[in-house]
Every structure is written in structure tokens, then in C-alpha cells.
Amino acid sequence: MIWRPLIATSVAAIFLAVGVVADGSSIVGNRPPEGMFKLILGKPLRMECNVTDENPQITWVRLNLVSGEEEDVDDKKEKYDVVSNKQASSLTIRKVTLDDVKYDYTCKLSKVSDLGQTIGVSETFITYMAPTARLPKDVSLEEGTLLTLNCSVTGKPKPTIQWKVGNTTLESDGERISINYNILQIQNATKEDRAEYTCIASIMNGAEEASATANVRVKDKLSPLWPFIGICLEVVVLCLIILIYEKRRNKSELEESDTDQSPEQKNTPDVGKDVRHRNK
């Protein structure tokens, strides 16, 4: 009598793999052509599984890809809508957020066998999200300092990242250039490092990708002094202009003073001389 439950368990396991239980009940997931469901931020997403059973007992769970735990979606009615009937059951994410990249979803059909065992089948729905990449548009730093570019990336599965300068792909060289996934660092930046740096994020072997570009400017070490030097030069030039103007004005005043003297004033010394001659 012991062998019968063991055989029943084995049969249930076999039917679980193919999506059909022993009495012929089955579950089939309706999938898009690519086989996965695309998550679009701010949009709803609907997943559906078809069942063949008179009284189906269908439950939806989500698999947390970070912790590996299954979570019942019935406890999150503010996030999901579940609609079921004898032919199908659907799960709708009301509004996709970045948090949804952590989950895949499973539709489960369970029954109690004639032996009193709970058996069932399930269909898992895998989701993906197109990548995004963001970099600051302009980056300025002084010559000789550390250049750091942090590319903010999202996507599911985790995107692969490639760094480029123009058409040249950058790689860590163990000396100046260091790449740690989405962070690019260049030691002792020089003027030759002035360029446009591009971060390319892709998933599914490049089936979907996104890119962002930063324009990097490397300034001379003395660049902070140039404004001060410019102000000093402006002051010097202004002083020279004032000095030249004052000299010319004084010269003009002296010339005008000589011109304005009367002829009588100019002849006064000669008149004095004539008087002295007469007295002699």
C-alpha cells in the first residue's frame, strides 16, 4: 500500500512540468511573441493564463528576484487587479514603477486529488524593462585632478555597460583608467582628455539599448586666476587712460593761459626799461 502515494507524487511532478494535472486540467500562459512582458514606466501591464477546469482554484504570486521569496499579490490590492473565471485568470499591474523590475509573476492552478493530495501546475511570466542611461551634460574639472563619470542606469535584466570616447571603446588599463560597471574614472586628467564620453546600456545582447553623453572640459590649473588677472589689467589700463587724459588736459590749459594774456601785459617789462633810460 505504500507504493501508491509515491507513484501519485511522481505523476504529479511530471504533470507539473508540462502544465497538466492528472485529470486533464491544464494552464497555459498567454505570452507576447518575444515570450516576455515589457515593463513600461507609468503604464499598466496585463498578464493572462488560460485554464481548463470546472472549478479552478487560481492564485497569483510574485517572485522577488532579490530575496528569492514568493509573495501573494492578494495582499497588495492597491497595486494589482486580479480577475478570474472558469476559462482564464488575469493579473494587471495598475501602474509600473522601477520597483517592478525586482519581480516575475506566476499563475498557479491547484487541485486536490482523489488521494487527498494537493497537486497543481503553474505558468511563470518573465518581465523585462528597456534600459535607460543618464549622465551630466557638461563636466568641468581642473588639469591634474580625478575625472569621475557616474552613469545612472536602469533596466531588467541588469544592463551591460560600455564606455566610449568617440568611436573608441574604453577599458580599464590598471593605471589611469578605471571602470567599475557604471562608474568611469581617469586619474590626473590632462587637456588631451577633453572629449565627449558616452555610456551605452544594453540588455538581451543589444536587443534594447540606451545611451547618454557627457561633454568633459579640462581647465588649466591657472584658470581660477584668469578672472583676477583680467580685473587687474582692466584697472591698469583705466589708470593709464586717466593719466594720459590728465596730462593732455593740463597742457591744453597752459596753452590757453598763454593765449589769453593781453598785449599790454606782455609789454610791461619794456616800458619799465624806457623809464629808466630817460632818468639817466
Protein backbone atom coordinates (compact mmCIF):
# COMPACT_ATOMS: atom_id res chain seq x y z
CA MET A 1 0.00 0.00 0.00
CA ILE A 2 2.95 2.28 0.34
CA TRP A 3 3.80 2.44 -3.36
CA ARG A 4 0.59 4.15 -4.47
CA PRO A 5 1.26 7.61 -2.91
CA LEU A 6 4.82 7.52 -4.18
CA ILE A 7 3.60 6.88 -7.73
CA ALA A 8 0.96 9.61 -7.39
CA THR A 9 3.57 12.09 -6.23
CA SER A 10 5.82 11.20 -9.13
CA VAL A 11 2.99 11.58 -11.65
CA ALA A 12 2.03 14.93 -10.19
CA ALA A 13 5.60 16.13 -10.54
CA ILE A 14 5.66 15.08 -14.19
CA PHE A 15 2.39 16.84 -14.99
CA LEU A 16 3.59 19.92 -13.09
CA ALA A 17 6.39 20.29 -15.61
CA VAL A 18 4.12 20.15 -18.66
CA GLY A 19 1.25 22.26 -17.24
CA VAL A 20 -1.38 19.50 -16.98
CA VAL A 21 -2.67 17.74 -13.88
CA ALA A 22 -3.71 14.07 -13.85
CA ASP A 23 -7.41 14.67 -14.56
CA GLY A 24 -6.65 16.68 -17.69
CA SER A 25 -6.88 20.18 -16.20
CA SER A 26 -4.30 22.45 -17.70
CA ILE A 27 -2.98 26.00 -17.59
CA VAL A 28 -1.44 27.92 -20.47
CA GLY A 29 0.11 31.37 -20.30
CA ASN A 30 -0.73 33.89 -23.00
CA ARG A 31 2.57 35.47 -23.95
CA PRO A 32 3.66 38.07 -26.49
CA PRO A 33 5.78 36.90 -29.46
CA GLU A 34 9.05 37.68 -27.68
CA GLY A 35 7.96 35.46 -24.78
CA MET A 36 8.40 38.15 -22.13
CA PHE A 37 6.32 41.06 -20.94
CA LYS A 38 7.74 44.56 -21.31
CA LEU A 39 7.51 46.87 -18.31
CA ILE A 40 6.88 50.49 -19.32
CA LEU A 41 7.12 53.07 -16.55
CA GLY A 42 3.78 54.66 -15.69
CA LYS A 43 1.80 52.24 -17.85
CA PRO A 44 -0.38 49.24 -16.85
CA LEU A 45 0.68 45.67 -17.68
CA ARG A 46 -1.73 42.75 -18.05
CA MET A 47 -0.79 39.05 -17.89
CA GLU A 48 -3.26 36.21 -18.50
CA CYS A 49 -3.34 32.42 -18.20
CA ASN A 50 -5.99 30.13 -19.69
CA VAL A 51 -7.27 27.17 -17.65
CA THR A 52 -9.35 24.07 -18.40
CA ASP A 53 -11.12 23.08 -15.22
CA GLU A 54 -14.69 23.15 -13.97
CA ASN A 55 -13.85 24.75 -10.64
CA PRO A 56 -10.37 26.20 -10.93
CA GLN A 57 -8.52 27.40 -7.87
CA ILE A 58 -6.17 30.00 -9.25
CA THR A 59 -3.71 32.11 -7.31
CA TRP A 60 -1.15 34.67 -8.45
CA VAL A 61 2.19 35.17 -6.73
CA ARG A 62 5.18 37.31 -7.50
CA LEU A 63 8.74 36.06 -7.15
CA ASN A 64 11.12 38.50 -5.53
CA LEU A 65 14.28 38.12 -7.59
CA VAL A 66 16.37 39.75 -4.86
CA SER A 67 15.29 37.64 -1.87
CA GLY A 68 14.05 34.60 -3.81
CA GLU A 69 10.77 34.60 -1.87
CA GLU A 70 7.24 34.24 -3.23
CA GLU A 71 4.76 36.93 -2.26
CA ASP A 72 0.98 36.71 -2.56
CA VAL A 73 -0.40 39.55 -4.68
CA ASP A 74 -3.78 39.35 -2.92
CA ASP A 75 -2.19 41.29 -0.07
CA LYS A 76 -1.39 44.18 -2.43
CA LYS A 77 -4.74 45.10 -3.92
CA GLU A 78 -3.72 48.75 -4.26
CA LYS A 79 -1.03 47.60 -6.72
CA TYR A 80 -2.70 44.75 -8.64
CA ASP A 81 -6.06 43.77 -10.11
CA VAL A 82 -6.87 40.04 -10.38
CA VAL A 83 -9.85 38.81 -12.45
CA SER A 84 -10.63 35.08 -12.74
CA ASN A 85 -13.33 32.88 -14.29
CA LYS A 86 -13.62 29.25 -15.42
CA GLN A 87 -11.59 29.84 -18.56
CA ALA A 88 -8.92 32.34 -17.59
CA SER A 89 -7.34 34.48 -14.93
CA SER A 90 -5.56 37.78 -15.40
CA LEU A 91 -3.23 39.89 -13.29
CA THR A 92 -2.86 43.60 -14.05
CA ILE A 93 -0.18 45.87 -12.65
CA ARG A 94 -2.04 49.16 -12.38
CA LYS A 95 1.00 51.39 -12.85
CA VAL A 96 4.51 50.11 -13.50
CA THR A 97 7.27 51.60 -11.32
CA LEU A 98 11.01 51.00 -11.09
CA ASP A 99 10.34 48.69 -8.14
CA ASP A 100 8.65 46.20 -10.51
CA VAL A 101 11.97 45.17 -12.05
CA LYS A 102 12.51 43.03 -8.94
CA TYR A 103 9.64 40.64 -9.73
CA ASP A 104 8.45 37.90 -12.04
CA TYR A 105 4.90 36.54 -11.75
CA THR A 106 3.35 33.08 -11.54
CA CYS A 107 -0.21 31.90 -12.17
CA LYS A 108 -0.97 28.72 -10.19
CA LEU A 109 -3.78 26.17 -10.70
CA SER A 110 -4.17 23.81 -7.75
CA LYS A 111 -6.47 20.79 -7.12
CA VAL A 112 -6.99 18.12 -4.51
CA SER A 113 -6.50 14.62 -5.94
CA ASP A 114 -8.53 11.53 -5.14
CA LEU A 115 -5.78 10.59 -2.74
CA GLY A 116 -6.24 13.85 -0.84
CA GLN A 117 -3.04 15.41 -2.10
CA THR A 118 -2.86 18.98 -3.34
CA ILE A 119 -1.43 18.97 -6.83
CA GLY A 120 -1.17 21.70 -9.35
CA VAL A 121 0.54 23.38 -12.24
CA SER A 122 1.81 26.87 -12.82
CA GLU A 123 2.90 29.28 -15.50
CA THR A 124 5.58 31.87 -14.85
CA PHE A 125 5.61 35.21 -16.64
CA ILE A 126 9.00 36.86 -17.05
CA THR A 127 9.17 40.62 -17.40
CA TYR A 128 11.81 42.95 -18.78
CA MET A 129 12.35 46.70 -18.90
CA ALA A 130 14.16 48.64 -21.60
CA PRO A 131 17.36 50.23 -20.27
CA THR A 132 17.87 53.91 -19.57
CA ALA A 133 21.14 55.79 -19.13
CA ARG A 134 21.83 59.25 -17.73
CA LEU A 135 24.98 61.37 -17.49
CA PRO A 136 25.50 65.05 -16.65
CA LYS A 137 25.53 67.01 -19.89
CA ASP A 138 28.64 69.08 -19.08
CA VAL A 139 31.51 68.22 -16.74
CA SER A 140 34.37 70.61 -15.91
CA LEU A 141 37.47 69.88 -13.86
CA GLU A 142 40.98 71.21 -13.40
CA GLU A 143 44.00 69.66 -15.04
CA GLY A 144 45.71 67.05 -12.84
CA THR A 145 42.56 66.13 -10.87
CA LEU A 146 40.41 62.97 -10.93
CA LEU A 147 37.73 62.69 -13.61
CA THR A 148 34.71 60.71 -12.41
CA LEU A 149 31.64 59.96 -14.53
CA ASN A 150 28.72 58.15 -12.88
CA CYS A 151 26.23 56.76 -15.39
CA SER A 152 22.80 56.27 -13.80
CA VAL A 153 21.34 53.09 -15.34
CA THR A 154 18.03 51.22 -15.03
CA GLY A 155 16.70 48.15 -16.80
CA LYS A 156 15.80 44.47 -16.48
CA PRO A 157 17.70 42.22 -16.72
CA LYS A 158 20.64 44.14 -15.34
CA PRO A 159 22.08 46.08 -18.28
CA THR A 160 25.61 45.64 -19.54
CA ILE A 161 27.53 48.91 -19.87
CA GLN A 162 30.07 50.06 -22.41
CA TRP A 163 32.06 53.30 -22.28
CA LYS A 164 33.20 55.10 -25.43
CA VAL A 165 35.12 58.22 -26.40
CA GLY A 166 34.07 58.96 -29.95
CA ASN A 167 34.28 55.59 -31.70
CA THR A 168 36.89 54.24 -29.29
CA THR A 169 35.82 51.79 -26.59
CA LEU A 170 37.38 52.45 -23.18
CA GLU A 171 38.69 49.67 -20.95
CA SER A 172 40.43 49.63 -17.58
CA ASP A 173 44.19 49.77 -18.02
CA GLY A 174 45.20 49.34 -14.37
CA GLU A 175 46.87 52.76 -14.37
CA ARG A 176 44.95 55.88 -15.34
CA ILE A 177 41.63 54.44 -16.49
CA SER A 178 39.36 52.55 -14.10
CA ILE A 179 35.87 51.24 -14.98
CA ASN A 180 33.64 49.82 -12.26
CA TYR A 181 30.42 48.94 -14.10
CA ASN A 182 28.66 52.33 -14.37
CA ILE A 183 31.50 54.46 -12.95
CA LEU A 184 34.39 55.67 -15.12
CA GLN A 185 37.43 57.28 -13.51
CA ILE A 186 40.54 58.79 -15.13
CA GLN A 187 43.48 59.76 -12.91
CA ASN A 188 45.41 63.02 -13.43
CA ALA A 189 43.21 64.40 -16.18
CA THR A 190 45.02 66.31 -18.93
CA LYS A 191 43.89 68.58 -21.75
CA GLU A 192 44.04 65.54 -24.04
CA ASP A 193 41.15 64.06 -22.01
CA ARG A 194 38.80 66.76 -23.26
CA ALA A 195 36.16 64.86 -25.22
CA GLU A 196 32.61 63.55 -25.34
CA TYR A 197 32.19 60.42 -23.23
CA THR A 198 29.30 58.05 -23.96
CA CYS A 199 27.75 55.46 -21.65
CA ILE A 200 25.85 52.69 -23.51
CA ALA A 201 23.48 50.42 -21.53
CA SER A 202 22.04 47.33 -23.24
CA ILE A 203 20.06 44.19 -22.42
CA MET A 204 19.42 40.88 -24.19
CA ASN A 205 22.63 41.05 -26.26
CA GLY A 206 21.88 44.53 -27.53
CA ALA A 207 18.23 43.92 -28.44
CA GLU A 208 17.40 47.05 -26.45
CA GLU A 209 19.87 49.79 -25.57
CA ALA A 210 20.13 53.38 -24.41
CA SER A 211 22.98 55.86 -24.27
CA ALA A 212 23.98 59.14 -22.62
CA THR A 213 26.82 61.54 -23.45
CA ALA A 214 28.82 63.95 -21.27
CA ASN A 215 30.96 66.78 -22.63
CA VAL A 216 34.14 66.89 -20.50
CA ARG A 217 36.24 70.05 -20.28
CA VAL A 218 39.66 70.03 -18.59
CA LYS A 219 40.68 73.52 -17.46
CA ASP A 220 44.20 74.87 -16.97
CA LYS A 221 45.49 74.93 -13.38
CA LEU A 222 45.76 78.72 -13.56
CA SER A 223 42.23 79.12 -14.83
CA PRO A 224 40.92 80.35 -11.43
CA LEU A 225 43.45 83.21 -11.61
CA TRP A 226 42.45 84.45 -15.06
CA PRO A 227 39.44 86.48 -13.85
CA PHE A 228 41.61 88.20 -11.20
CA ILE A 229 44.37 88.90 -13.72
CA GLY A 230 41.78 90.28 -16.13
CA ILE A 231 40.44 92.67 -13.48
CA CYS A 232 43.97 93.85 -12.66
CA LEU A 233 44.70 94.54 -16.33
CA GLU A 234 41.47 96.49 -16.67
CA VAL A 235 42.44 98.65 -13.67
CA VAL A 236 45.94 99.29 -15.07
CA VAL A 237 44.56 100.27 -18.50
CA LEU A 238 41.99 102.56 -16.87
CA CYS A 239 44.69 104.26 -14.79
CA LEU A 240 46.84 104.82 -17.89
CA ILE A 241 43.91 106.33 -19.74
CA ILE A 242 43.19 108.67 -16.83
CA LEU A 243 46.90 109.67 -16.56
CA ILE A 244 47.20 110.42 -20.27
CA TYR A 245 43.96 112.37 -20.21
CA GLU A 246 45.10 114.49 -17.25
CA LYS A 247 48.44 115.28 -18.87
CA ARG A 248 46.80 116.40 -22.07
CA ARG A 249 44.26 118.49 -20.19
CA ASN A 250 46.97 120.28 -18.17
CA LYS A 251 48.94 121.01 -21.34
CA SER A 252 45.86 122.45 -23.02
CA GLU A 253 45.14 124.68 -20.03
CA LEU A 254 48.69 126.09 -20.07
CA GLU A 255 48.47 126.85 -23.77
CA GLU A 256 45.11 128.56 -23.34
CA SER A 257 46.52 130.60 -20.45
CA ASP A 258 49.38 131.94 -22.63
CA THR A 259 46.98 132.77 -25.45
CA ASP A 260 44.59 134.71 -23.19
CA GLN A 261 47.29 137.20 -21.90
CA SER A 262 46.72 140.84 -23.24
CA PRO A 263 49.42 142.74 -25.30
CA GLU A 264 49.71 145.41 -22.59
CA GLN A 265 50.65 142.79 -20.02
CA LYS A 266 53.23 141.32 -22.38
CA ASN A 267 54.89 144.86 -22.99
CA THR A 268 55.08 145.95 -19.33
CA PRO A 269 58.74 144.98 -18.81
CA ASP A 270 59.86 147.09 -21.84
CA VAL A 271 58.02 150.17 -20.58
CA GLY A 272 59.92 149.99 -17.33
CA LYS A 273 63.20 149.88 -19.20
CA ASP A 274 62.35 153.05 -21.17
CA VAL A 275 61.60 154.97 -17.99
CA ARG A 276 64.95 154.05 -16.52
CA HIS A 277 66.77 155.20 -19.66
CA ARG A 278 65.11 158.61 -19.59
CA ASN A 279 66.07 159.23 -15.97
CA LYS A 280 69.65 158.70 -16.86
